[in-house]
N, C-alpha and C. Protein backbone atom coordinates (compact mmCIF):
# COMPACT_ATOMS: atom_id res chain seq x y z
N MET A 1 137.00 134.75 148.45
CA MET A 1 136.05 135.82 147.92
C MET A 1 134.78 135.69 148.63
N SER A 2 134.69 135.00 149.74
CA SER A 2 133.51 134.96 150.37
C SER A 2 133.05 136.28 151.10
N ASN A 3 131.71 136.47 151.14
CA ASN A 3 131.19 137.56 151.87
C ASN A 3 131.71 138.89 151.37
N ARG A 4 131.92 139.01 150.10
CA ARG A 4 132.39 140.25 149.51
C ARG A 4 131.34 141.22 149.42
N LEU A 5 130.05 140.94 149.66
CA LEU A 5 128.96 141.78 149.31
C LEU A 5 128.58 142.83 150.35
N SER A 6 128.67 142.94 151.41
CA SER A 6 128.04 143.86 152.39
C SER A 6 128.59 145.25 152.13
N ARG A 7 127.83 146.10 151.40
CA ARG A 7 128.06 147.52 151.19
C ARG A 7 129.45 147.81 150.77
N ARG A 8 129.82 147.25 149.54
CA ARG A 8 131.13 147.60 148.97
C ARG A 8 131.01 148.61 147.94
N ARG A 9 131.98 149.41 147.71
CA ARG A 9 131.87 150.40 146.69
C ARG A 9 133.07 150.32 145.73
N TYR A 10 132.71 150.27 144.42
CA TYR A 10 133.84 150.25 143.35
C TYR A 10 133.52 151.50 142.50
N VAL A 11 134.61 152.03 141.94
CA VAL A 11 134.41 153.09 140.98
C VAL A 11 134.83 152.62 139.62
N ALA A 12 133.89 152.62 138.70
CA ALA A 12 134.05 152.16 137.42
C ALA A 12 134.60 153.18 136.47
N GLY A 13 135.60 152.82 135.68
CA GLY A 13 135.91 153.63 134.54
C GLY A 13 136.84 154.74 134.95
N THR A 14 137.95 154.76 134.51
CA THR A 14 138.81 155.99 134.70
C THR A 14 139.32 156.01 133.27
N GLY A 15 139.05 155.09 132.75
CA GLY A 15 139.07 154.88 131.30
C GLY A 15 137.65 155.43 130.58
N ALA A 16 94.99 163.91 104.98
CA ALA A 16 94.17 163.64 106.02
C ALA A 16 93.36 162.97 105.23
N VAL A 17 93.22 162.09 105.97
CA VAL A 17 92.45 161.16 105.13
C VAL A 17 91.11 161.73 105.02
N LEU A 18 90.75 162.21 103.73
CA LEU A 18 89.53 162.85 103.51
C LEU A 18 88.60 161.94 102.81
N THR A 19 87.45 161.59 103.38
CA THR A 19 86.48 160.59 102.81
C THR A 19 85.68 161.30 101.76
N LEU A 20 85.95 160.97 100.56
CA LEU A 20 85.36 161.64 99.42
C LEU A 20 84.10 160.87 98.92
N GLY A 21 84.01 159.62 99.11
CA GLY A 21 82.92 158.79 98.60
C GLY A 21 81.58 159.48 99.07
N THR A 22 81.46 159.99 100.20
CA THR A 22 80.11 160.44 100.71
C THR A 22 79.70 161.72 99.93
N LEU A 23 80.53 162.26 99.16
CA LEU A 23 80.17 163.52 98.47
C LEU A 23 79.15 163.23 97.39
N ALA A 24 78.98 162.00 97.04
CA ALA A 24 78.04 161.55 96.07
C ALA A 24 76.66 162.12 96.46
N GLY A 25 76.43 162.31 97.65
CA GLY A 25 75.14 162.75 98.04
C GLY A 25 74.82 164.15 97.55
N CYS A 26 75.79 164.80 96.98
CA CYS A 26 75.59 166.19 96.44
C CYS A 26 75.00 166.14 95.17
N SER A 27 74.68 164.99 94.63
CA SER A 27 74.18 164.88 93.27
C SER A 27 72.90 165.69 92.97
N GLY A 28 72.22 166.01 94.12
CA GLY A 28 70.97 166.86 93.97
C GLY A 28 70.01 166.27 93.01
N GLY A 29 70.16 164.94 92.69
CA GLY A 29 69.35 164.30 91.68
C GLY A 29 67.86 164.52 92.08
N GLY A 30 67.61 164.75 93.34
CA GLY A 30 66.28 164.89 93.81
C GLY A 30 65.57 166.04 93.15
N ASP A 31 66.40 167.04 92.57
CA ASP A 31 65.80 168.16 91.97
C ASP A 31 64.93 167.82 90.75
N GLY A 32 65.17 166.63 90.29
CA GLY A 32 64.40 166.13 89.16
C GLY A 32 62.86 166.18 89.50
N GLY A 33 62.59 166.16 90.79
CA GLY A 33 61.15 166.13 91.24
C GLY A 33 60.52 167.40 90.81
N ASP A 34 61.27 168.42 90.39
CA ASP A 34 60.60 169.65 89.99
C ASP A 34 59.63 169.43 88.79
N GLY A 35 60.00 168.37 88.05
CA GLY A 35 59.15 168.07 86.93
C GLY A 35 57.72 167.92 87.31
N SER A 36 57.40 167.59 88.49
CA SER A 36 56.04 167.43 89.00
C SER A 36 55.35 168.75 89.03
N ASP A 37 56.10 169.81 88.78
CA ASP A 37 55.37 171.12 88.75
C ASP A 37 54.31 171.21 87.60
N ASP A 38 54.44 170.32 86.55
CA ASP A 38 53.52 170.35 85.49
C ASP A 38 52.06 169.98 86.00
N THR A 39 51.92 169.51 87.20
CA THR A 39 50.63 169.24 87.69
C THR A 39 50.17 170.34 88.52
N ASP A 40 50.56 171.57 88.16
CA ASP A 40 50.13 172.68 88.96
C ASP A 40 48.69 172.82 89.05
N GLU A 41 47.89 172.13 88.26
CA GLU A 41 46.40 172.22 88.34
C GLU A 41 46.02 171.84 89.68
N SER A 42 46.67 170.83 90.30
CA SER A 42 46.28 170.41 91.56
C SER A 42 46.70 171.50 92.59
N GLY A 43 47.55 172.33 92.21
CA GLY A 43 47.96 173.41 93.18
C GLY A 43 48.79 172.86 94.25
N GLU A 44 48.47 171.78 94.85
CA GLU A 44 49.13 171.35 95.99
C GLU A 44 50.38 170.53 95.66
N THR A 45 50.37 169.95 94.42
CA THR A 45 51.49 168.97 94.12
C THR A 45 52.79 169.66 94.02
N ASP A 46 52.73 171.03 93.88
CA ASP A 46 53.98 171.79 93.82
C ASP A 46 54.83 171.49 95.04
N GLY A 47 54.18 171.03 96.03
CA GLY A 47 54.99 170.68 97.23
C GLY A 47 56.00 169.59 96.94
N SER A 48 55.90 168.92 95.87
CA SER A 48 56.88 167.85 95.53
C SER A 48 58.23 168.48 95.38
N ASP A 49 58.38 169.75 95.12
CA ASP A 49 59.59 170.42 94.97
C ASP A 49 60.40 170.10 96.30
N GLY A 50 59.66 169.81 97.33
CA GLY A 50 60.37 169.61 98.56
C GLY A 50 61.48 168.51 98.43
N SER A 51 61.32 167.70 97.41
CA SER A 51 62.30 166.61 97.23
C SER A 51 63.68 167.16 97.08
N ASP A 52 63.76 168.45 96.83
CA ASP A 52 65.05 169.04 96.75
C ASP A 52 65.77 168.85 98.08
N GLY A 53 64.98 168.64 99.10
CA GLY A 53 65.57 168.48 100.37
C GLY A 53 66.52 167.35 100.40
N SER A 54 66.51 166.45 99.42
CA SER A 54 67.45 165.30 99.43
C SER A 54 68.87 165.89 99.36
N ASP A 55 69.03 167.07 98.94
CA ASP A 55 70.27 167.73 98.94
C ASP A 55 70.89 167.74 100.49
N GLY A 56 69.92 167.60 101.31
CA GLY A 56 70.41 167.58 102.71
C GLY A 56 71.37 166.45 102.99
N SER A 57 71.38 165.53 102.07
CA SER A 57 72.35 164.36 102.30
C SER A 57 73.70 164.89 102.34
N ASP A 58 73.93 166.25 101.91
CA ASP A 58 75.28 166.74 101.91
C ASP A 58 75.70 166.72 103.38
N GLY A 59 74.87 166.63 104.29
CA GLY A 59 75.29 166.57 105.63
C GLY A 59 76.23 165.38 105.90
N SER A 60 76.19 164.43 104.98
CA SER A 60 77.03 163.25 105.22
C SER A 60 78.49 163.75 105.15
N ASP A 61 78.68 164.91 104.53
CA ASP A 61 80.05 165.40 104.51
C ASP A 61 80.57 165.52 105.93
N GLY A 62 79.75 165.45 106.87
CA GLY A 62 80.25 165.44 108.23
C GLY A 62 81.19 164.27 108.49
N SER A 63 81.10 163.32 107.57
CA SER A 63 82.03 162.16 107.80
C SER A 63 83.49 162.60 107.82
N ASP A 64 83.67 163.82 107.25
CA ASP A 64 85.04 164.30 107.13
C ASP A 64 85.62 164.32 108.57
N GLY A 65 84.71 164.21 109.54
CA GLY A 65 85.24 164.29 110.91
C GLY A 65 86.18 163.10 111.20
N SER A 66 86.10 162.13 110.34
CA SER A 66 86.94 160.94 110.47
C SER A 66 88.45 161.37 110.43
N ASP A 67 88.66 162.63 109.94
CA ASP A 67 90.06 163.10 109.88
C ASP A 67 90.62 163.08 111.29
N GLY A 68 89.82 163.06 112.32
CA GLY A 68 90.23 163.14 113.69
C GLY A 68 91.04 161.78 114.00
N SER A 69 90.95 160.86 113.10
CA SER A 69 91.71 159.60 113.42
C SER A 69 93.17 159.92 113.30
N ASP A 70 93.58 161.07 112.74
CA ASP A 70 94.98 161.38 112.61
C ASP A 70 95.53 161.46 114.06
N GLY A 71 94.61 161.55 114.99
CA GLY A 71 95.07 161.60 116.34
C GLY A 71 95.92 160.42 116.80
N SER A 72 95.77 159.32 116.01
CA SER A 72 96.37 158.17 116.35
C SER A 72 97.99 158.33 116.24
N ASP A 73 98.34 159.53 115.65
CA ASP A 73 99.82 159.74 115.67
C ASP A 73 100.30 159.81 117.08
N GLY A 74 99.43 159.84 118.02
CA GLY A 74 99.87 159.96 119.35
C GLY A 74 100.66 158.76 119.75
N THR A 75 100.57 157.81 118.98
CA THR A 75 101.38 156.48 119.27
C THR A 75 102.87 156.76 119.29
N ASP A 76 103.25 157.98 118.75
CA ASP A 76 104.66 158.29 118.69
C ASP A 76 105.16 158.82 120.02
N SER A 77 104.42 158.47 121.06
CA SER A 77 104.74 159.03 122.44
C SER A 77 106.18 158.69 122.70
N GLY A 78 106.87 159.73 123.26
CA GLY A 78 108.27 159.70 123.50
C GLY A 78 108.53 158.72 124.58
N GLY A 79 108.07 159.02 125.80
CA GLY A 79 108.12 158.09 126.94
C GLY A 79 109.50 157.37 127.05
N SER A 80 109.47 156.27 127.73
CA SER A 80 110.66 155.47 127.80
C SER A 80 110.45 154.15 127.16
N GLY A 81 109.87 154.17 125.96
CA GLY A 81 109.62 153.08 125.22
C GLY A 81 110.78 152.43 124.61
N ALA A 82 110.57 151.37 123.79
CA ALA A 82 111.64 150.64 123.17
C ALA A 82 112.56 151.55 122.26
N ASP A 83 111.93 152.56 121.58
CA ASP A 83 112.73 153.47 120.79
C ASP A 83 113.71 154.33 121.59
N ASP A 84 113.48 154.34 122.94
CA ASP A 84 114.30 155.17 123.78
C ASP A 84 115.46 154.33 124.38
N VAL A 85 115.50 153.03 124.14
CA VAL A 85 116.44 152.14 124.70
C VAL A 85 117.58 151.93 123.71
N PRO A 86 118.81 152.18 124.09
CA PRO A 86 119.93 151.88 123.18
C PRO A 86 119.83 150.51 122.62
N SER A 87 120.17 150.34 121.27
CA SER A 87 120.01 148.98 120.65
C SER A 87 120.91 147.97 121.39
N GLU A 88 122.07 148.34 121.80
CA GLU A 88 122.92 147.45 122.48
C GLU A 88 122.23 146.82 123.75
N ILE A 89 121.51 147.66 124.50
CA ILE A 89 120.84 147.20 125.63
C ILE A 89 119.63 146.35 125.31
N ASP A 90 118.84 146.83 124.32
CA ASP A 90 117.64 146.21 123.89
C ASP A 90 117.90 144.78 123.42
N GLU A 91 118.96 144.64 122.69
CA GLU A 91 119.44 143.30 122.15
C GLU A 91 119.91 142.34 123.20
N TYR A 92 120.64 142.96 124.13
CA TYR A 92 121.17 142.15 125.26
C TYR A 92 120.09 141.66 126.13
N LEU A 93 119.05 142.41 126.38
CA LEU A 93 118.03 142.03 127.30
C LEU A 93 116.78 141.35 126.60
N THR A 94 116.96 140.98 125.39
CA THR A 94 115.91 140.33 124.69
C THR A 94 115.20 139.17 125.44
N GLU A 95 116.11 138.41 126.06
CA GLU A 95 115.57 137.27 126.81
C GLU A 95 115.49 137.48 128.35
N ALA A 96 115.74 138.75 128.72
CA ALA A 96 115.86 138.99 130.14
C ALA A 96 114.47 138.97 130.80
N ARG A 97 114.35 138.47 132.00
CA ARG A 97 113.22 138.49 132.75
C ARG A 97 112.97 139.86 133.26
N GLU A 98 111.67 140.20 133.51
CA GLU A 98 111.29 141.53 134.00
C GLU A 98 111.62 142.70 133.07
N TYR A 99 112.05 142.38 131.84
CA TYR A 99 112.30 143.50 130.87
C TYR A 99 111.17 143.59 129.90
N ASN A 100 110.56 144.80 129.78
CA ASN A 100 109.45 145.03 128.92
C ASN A 100 109.72 146.02 127.87
N GLY A 101 111.01 146.11 127.49
CA GLY A 101 111.38 147.05 126.37
C GLY A 101 111.52 148.48 126.78
N GLU A 102 111.59 148.67 128.06
CA GLU A 102 111.71 150.10 128.58
C GLU A 102 112.92 150.21 129.46
N ILE A 103 113.38 151.42 129.57
CA ILE A 103 114.50 151.70 130.46
C ILE A 103 114.09 152.70 131.48
N MET A 104 114.33 152.45 132.70
CA MET A 104 113.94 153.40 133.71
C MET A 104 114.91 154.58 133.91
N ASP A 105 114.44 155.81 133.93
CA ASP A 105 115.28 156.96 133.96
C ASP A 105 115.44 157.45 135.44
N TYR A 106 116.73 157.34 135.88
CA TYR A 106 117.05 157.74 137.15
C TYR A 106 118.15 158.84 137.19
N THR A 107 118.18 159.60 136.08
CA THR A 107 119.25 160.57 135.87
C THR A 107 119.21 161.80 136.91
N ASP A 108 118.12 161.80 137.71
CA ASP A 108 117.97 162.86 138.64
C ASP A 108 118.30 162.38 140.19
N GLN A 109 118.86 161.12 140.18
CA GLN A 109 119.18 160.52 141.41
C GLN A 109 120.61 160.20 141.58
N ASP A 110 121.16 160.32 142.91
CA ASP A 110 122.58 160.02 143.09
C ASP A 110 122.77 158.58 143.46
N GLU A 111 121.65 157.85 143.82
CA GLU A 111 121.86 156.52 144.17
C GLU A 111 120.63 155.78 143.76
N VAL A 112 120.71 154.55 143.13
CA VAL A 112 119.64 153.79 142.68
C VAL A 112 119.73 152.36 143.14
N THR A 113 118.62 151.82 143.56
CA THR A 113 118.69 150.47 144.00
C THR A 113 118.01 149.50 142.98
N VAL A 114 118.73 148.33 142.77
CA VAL A 114 118.25 147.35 141.88
C VAL A 114 118.01 146.07 142.69
N ALA A 115 116.90 145.51 142.59
CA ALA A 115 116.61 144.19 143.35
C ALA A 115 117.28 143.04 142.73
N VAL A 116 117.89 142.29 143.41
CA VAL A 116 118.52 141.01 143.03
C VAL A 116 117.66 139.81 143.39
N GLY A 117 117.09 139.07 142.52
CA GLY A 117 116.23 138.00 142.90
C GLY A 117 114.82 138.45 142.79
N ALA A 118 114.45 139.23 141.81
CA ALA A 118 112.98 139.77 141.66
C ALA A 118 112.21 138.88 140.82
N GLY A 119 111.03 139.26 140.63
CA GLY A 119 110.05 138.45 139.70
C GLY A 119 109.41 137.37 140.52
N GLY A 120 108.50 136.69 139.94
CA GLY A 120 107.77 135.62 140.60
C GLY A 120 108.53 134.47 140.96
N ASP A 121 109.75 134.19 140.34
CA ASP A 121 110.57 133.04 140.66
C ASP A 121 111.88 133.55 141.26
N GLY A 122 112.09 134.85 141.45
CA GLY A 122 113.28 135.33 142.00
C GLY A 122 114.47 135.18 141.11
N LEU A 123 114.24 135.24 139.77
CA LEU A 123 115.37 135.03 138.82
C LEU A 123 115.48 136.26 137.89
N ALA A 124 115.48 137.36 138.54
CA ALA A 124 115.47 138.61 137.68
C ALA A 124 116.10 139.74 138.53
N PHE A 125 116.61 140.74 137.67
CA PHE A 125 117.05 142.07 138.26
C PHE A 125 115.89 142.92 138.01
N ASP A 126 115.55 143.83 138.97
CA ASP A 126 114.46 144.76 138.72
C ASP A 126 114.78 146.18 139.36
N PRO A 127 114.80 147.22 138.54
CA PRO A 127 114.55 147.18 137.09
C PRO A 127 115.71 146.49 136.24
N ALA A 128 115.36 145.91 135.13
CA ALA A 128 116.34 145.27 134.36
C ALA A 128 117.20 146.25 133.57
N ALA A 129 116.70 147.34 133.30
CA ALA A 129 117.41 148.42 132.59
C ALA A 129 117.21 149.79 133.14
N ILE A 130 118.24 150.46 133.43
CA ILE A 130 118.25 151.85 134.09
C ILE A 130 119.15 152.74 133.43
N ARG A 131 118.84 154.07 133.52
CA ARG A 131 119.67 155.17 132.93
C ARG A 131 120.06 156.04 134.06
N ILE A 132 121.31 156.31 134.16
CA ILE A 132 121.82 157.20 135.21
C ILE A 132 122.87 158.16 134.64
N THR A 133 123.39 159.05 135.54
CA THR A 133 124.38 160.04 135.11
C THR A 133 125.72 159.60 135.85
N PRO A 134 126.83 160.18 135.32
CA PRO A 134 128.12 159.86 135.97
C PRO A 134 128.12 160.26 137.46
N GLY A 135 128.69 159.42 138.22
CA GLY A 135 128.85 159.72 139.68
C GLY A 135 127.73 159.04 140.55
N THR A 136 126.73 158.49 139.78
CA THR A 136 125.62 157.79 140.43
C THR A 136 126.05 156.39 141.00
N THR A 137 125.57 156.11 142.09
CA THR A 137 125.95 154.73 142.71
C THR A 137 124.81 153.79 142.56
N VAL A 138 125.03 152.63 142.00
CA VAL A 138 123.95 151.67 141.88
C VAL A 138 124.18 150.64 143.06
N VAL A 139 123.13 150.44 143.80
CA VAL A 139 123.14 149.47 144.88
C VAL A 139 122.22 148.27 144.47
N TRP A 140 122.85 147.13 144.43
CA TRP A 140 122.09 145.88 144.12
C TRP A 140 121.76 145.28 145.52
N GLU A 141 120.47 144.97 145.73
CA GLU A 141 120.10 144.46 147.08
C GLU A 141 119.35 143.13 146.84
N TRP A 142 119.89 142.13 147.57
CA TRP A 142 119.27 140.80 147.46
C TRP A 142 117.90 140.65 148.11
N THR A 143 117.00 140.02 147.52
CA THR A 143 115.67 139.72 148.04
C THR A 143 115.62 138.51 148.85
N GLY A 144 116.56 137.64 148.70
CA GLY A 144 116.52 136.29 149.37
C GLY A 144 115.83 135.27 148.57
N GLN A 145 115.24 135.61 147.37
CA GLN A 145 114.43 134.77 146.52
C GLN A 145 115.21 134.21 145.37
N GLY A 146 114.92 133.04 144.89
CA GLY A 146 115.50 132.43 143.74
C GLY A 146 116.80 131.82 143.81
N GLY A 147 117.29 131.60 145.05
CA GLY A 147 118.53 130.97 145.35
C GLY A 147 119.69 131.97 145.42
N ALA A 148 120.87 131.46 145.12
CA ALA A 148 122.12 132.31 145.28
C ALA A 148 122.37 133.10 143.93
N HIS A 149 122.73 134.34 144.14
CA HIS A 149 122.90 135.30 142.99
C HIS A 149 124.17 136.03 143.20
N ASN A 150 124.69 136.52 142.06
CA ASN A 150 125.80 137.48 142.11
C ASN A 150 125.65 138.50 141.00
N VAL A 151 126.45 139.47 140.87
CA VAL A 151 126.43 140.53 139.85
C VAL A 151 127.74 140.61 139.12
N VAL A 152 127.80 140.23 137.82
CA VAL A 152 129.07 140.24 137.15
C VAL A 152 128.93 141.00 135.79
N SER A 153 129.86 141.88 135.50
CA SER A 153 129.78 142.57 134.23
C SER A 153 130.28 141.71 133.07
N THR A 154 129.70 141.99 131.89
CA THR A 154 130.16 141.17 130.65
C THR A 154 131.40 141.77 130.16
N GLU A 155 131.98 141.06 129.18
CA GLU A 155 133.30 141.57 128.54
C GLU A 155 132.93 142.82 127.74
N ASP A 156 131.65 142.98 127.29
CA ASP A 156 131.31 144.09 126.48
C ASP A 156 130.93 145.30 127.25
N SER A 157 130.88 145.16 128.59
CA SER A 157 130.47 146.30 129.45
C SER A 157 131.48 147.32 129.44
N ALA A 158 131.09 148.68 129.50
CA ALA A 158 132.11 149.75 129.60
C ALA A 158 132.96 149.77 130.81
N SER A 159 132.38 149.08 131.88
CA SER A 159 133.24 148.99 133.08
C SER A 159 133.20 147.54 133.61
N SER A 160 134.16 147.24 134.43
CA SER A 160 134.27 145.86 134.90
C SER A 160 133.93 145.87 136.41
N PHE A 161 132.99 144.98 136.78
CA PHE A 161 132.60 144.89 138.23
C PHE A 161 132.14 143.48 138.47
N ASP A 162 132.34 143.03 139.75
CA ASP A 162 132.04 141.66 140.11
C ASP A 162 131.77 141.63 141.60
N SER A 163 130.51 141.17 141.99
CA SER A 163 130.19 141.09 143.42
C SER A 163 130.81 139.85 144.10
N GLY A 164 131.45 138.93 143.30
CA GLY A 164 132.02 137.78 143.95
C GLY A 164 131.17 136.54 143.86
N GLU A 165 131.32 135.74 144.92
CA GLU A 165 130.57 134.48 144.97
C GLU A 165 129.01 134.80 145.02
N ALA A 166 128.24 133.84 144.50
CA ALA A 166 126.77 133.98 144.57
C ALA A 166 126.35 133.77 145.92
N VAL A 167 125.48 134.61 146.46
CA VAL A 167 124.93 134.43 147.77
C VAL A 167 123.44 134.54 147.77
N SER A 168 122.81 134.10 148.80
CA SER A 168 121.31 134.06 148.84
C SER A 168 120.72 134.84 150.06
N GLU A 169 121.62 135.41 150.73
CA GLU A 169 121.18 136.13 151.99
C GLU A 169 120.34 137.29 151.66
N GLU A 170 119.12 137.46 152.24
CA GLU A 170 118.31 138.58 152.09
C GLU A 170 118.92 139.81 152.73
N GLY A 171 118.95 140.95 152.00
CA GLY A 171 119.42 142.11 152.47
C GLY A 171 120.93 142.36 152.26
N ALA A 172 121.62 141.43 151.56
CA ALA A 172 122.97 141.54 151.16
C ALA A 172 123.03 142.62 150.08
N THR A 173 124.03 143.37 149.96
CA THR A 173 124.13 144.47 149.05
C THR A 173 125.48 144.55 148.33
N PHE A 174 125.56 145.08 147.17
CA PHE A 174 126.72 145.29 146.44
C PHE A 174 126.60 146.69 145.78
N GLU A 175 127.68 147.53 145.90
CA GLU A 175 127.58 148.88 145.34
C GLU A 175 128.64 149.02 144.22
N GLN A 176 128.21 149.92 143.26
CA GLN A 176 129.13 150.16 142.18
C GLN A 176 128.90 151.64 141.78
N SER A 177 129.84 152.48 141.72
CA SER A 177 129.73 153.87 141.24
C SER A 177 130.28 153.90 139.90
N PHE A 178 129.51 154.63 138.95
CA PHE A 178 129.91 154.75 137.53
C PHE A 178 130.23 156.18 137.28
N ASP A 179 131.48 156.51 137.01
CA ASP A 179 131.85 157.77 136.80
C ASP A 179 132.02 158.20 135.31
N ASN A 180 132.09 157.20 134.43
CA ASN A 180 132.15 157.58 132.91
C ASN A 180 130.86 157.07 132.24
N THR A 181 130.67 157.77 131.16
CA THR A 181 129.47 157.42 130.28
C THR A 181 129.77 156.07 129.58
N GLY A 182 128.62 155.40 129.14
CA GLY A 182 128.79 154.19 128.42
C GLY A 182 127.71 153.22 128.75
N ILE A 183 127.74 152.02 128.28
CA ILE A 183 126.78 150.94 128.41
C ILE A 183 127.42 149.90 129.37
N GLN A 184 126.68 149.61 130.44
CA GLN A 184 127.11 148.64 131.36
C GLN A 184 126.16 147.42 131.30
N LEU A 185 126.66 146.26 130.96
CA LEU A 185 125.91 145.03 130.88
C LEU A 185 126.38 144.05 131.92
N TYR A 186 125.37 143.37 132.61
CA TYR A 186 125.86 142.44 133.57
C TYR A 186 124.83 141.31 133.71
N TYR A 187 125.18 140.26 134.48
CA TYR A 187 124.31 139.12 134.63
C TYR A 187 124.63 138.41 136.03
N CYS A 188 123.83 137.40 136.34
CA CYS A 188 123.93 136.61 137.53
C CYS A 188 124.62 135.30 137.01
N THR A 189 125.69 134.92 137.45
CA THR A 189 126.44 133.75 136.92
C THR A 189 125.61 132.40 136.98
N PRO A 190 125.01 132.08 138.08
CA PRO A 190 124.18 130.89 138.17
C PRO A 190 122.93 130.85 137.29
N HIS A 191 122.45 132.04 137.00
CA HIS A 191 121.20 132.09 136.26
C HIS A 191 121.18 132.91 134.94
N GLN A 192 122.41 133.05 134.43
CA GLN A 192 122.48 133.82 133.22
C GLN A 192 121.75 133.15 132.10
N SER A 193 121.86 131.86 131.97
CA SER A 193 121.12 131.10 130.94
C SER A 193 119.62 131.13 130.93
N VAL A 194 119.09 131.52 132.07
CA VAL A 194 117.59 131.61 132.13
C VAL A 194 117.09 133.12 132.08
N GLY A 195 117.95 133.98 131.80
CA GLY A 195 117.60 135.39 131.58
C GLY A 195 117.80 136.29 132.72
N MET A 196 118.63 135.97 133.69
CA MET A 196 118.85 136.96 134.77
C MET A 196 119.89 137.91 134.31
N LEU A 197 119.52 138.96 133.56
CA LEU A 197 120.41 139.89 132.91
C LEU A 197 119.99 141.34 133.34
N GLY A 198 120.94 142.14 133.27
CA GLY A 198 120.63 143.63 133.57
C GLY A 198 121.55 144.49 132.78
N ALA A 199 121.17 145.79 132.70
CA ALA A 199 121.87 146.72 131.94
C ALA A 199 121.79 148.18 132.51
N ILE A 200 122.75 148.96 132.26
CA ILE A 200 122.79 150.36 132.79
C ILE A 200 123.39 151.30 131.66
N GLN A 201 122.63 152.35 131.38
CA GLN A 201 123.15 153.38 130.40
C GLN A 201 123.65 154.61 131.31
N VAL A 202 124.78 154.91 131.09
CA VAL A 202 125.34 156.13 131.84
C VAL A 202 125.49 157.25 130.86
N VAL A 203 124.73 158.34 131.02
CA VAL A 203 124.74 159.47 130.07
C VAL A 203 125.06 160.75 130.80
N GLU A 204 125.51 161.72 130.05
CA GLU A 204 125.90 163.00 130.56
C GLU A 204 124.49 163.64 131.08
N ALA A 205 124.69 164.35 132.14
CA ALA A 205 123.37 165.05 132.73
C ALA A 205 122.92 166.15 131.74
């Protein structure tokens, strides 16, 4: 099974928060200052009625603007976040290197390249998780980093594929076409235990 990698093709599967506390400013308690009108003899003291101006504290109602915090709902962003990743893939890649809880969408491409030997230590697939449509070909390309690697599907994968013996040659490639929908899980035999894992979701266009 040596040298099985150089551009081989396999076909898989034929099988509001309203702040009310500030309303206390509406008490208009300042109106009590009108009592000072009894000193009308001074003529000028009537000006104390101006204390009614304390009602201006109603302006604090502006704090209702805090309702804008509802905008935080934006955290429900659709994107390609963890909520968008099938649970089977998310669970499988829990310990995978270069996996950040996202799946890269390549449903508009006929061919996708995945690096073999990625990451700072060359012990990862990158991207670790991808989404494609039936008929798409995935090309794994060796970086030459991290030692010898291979690509092998798990027993739970919707398709069976195996690149053969682990190799370290930079530029070596292995191809696999996926014709049926399903979840494809795979790993590198020599580095499976350290998290060199990958996954593919094949969905209808």
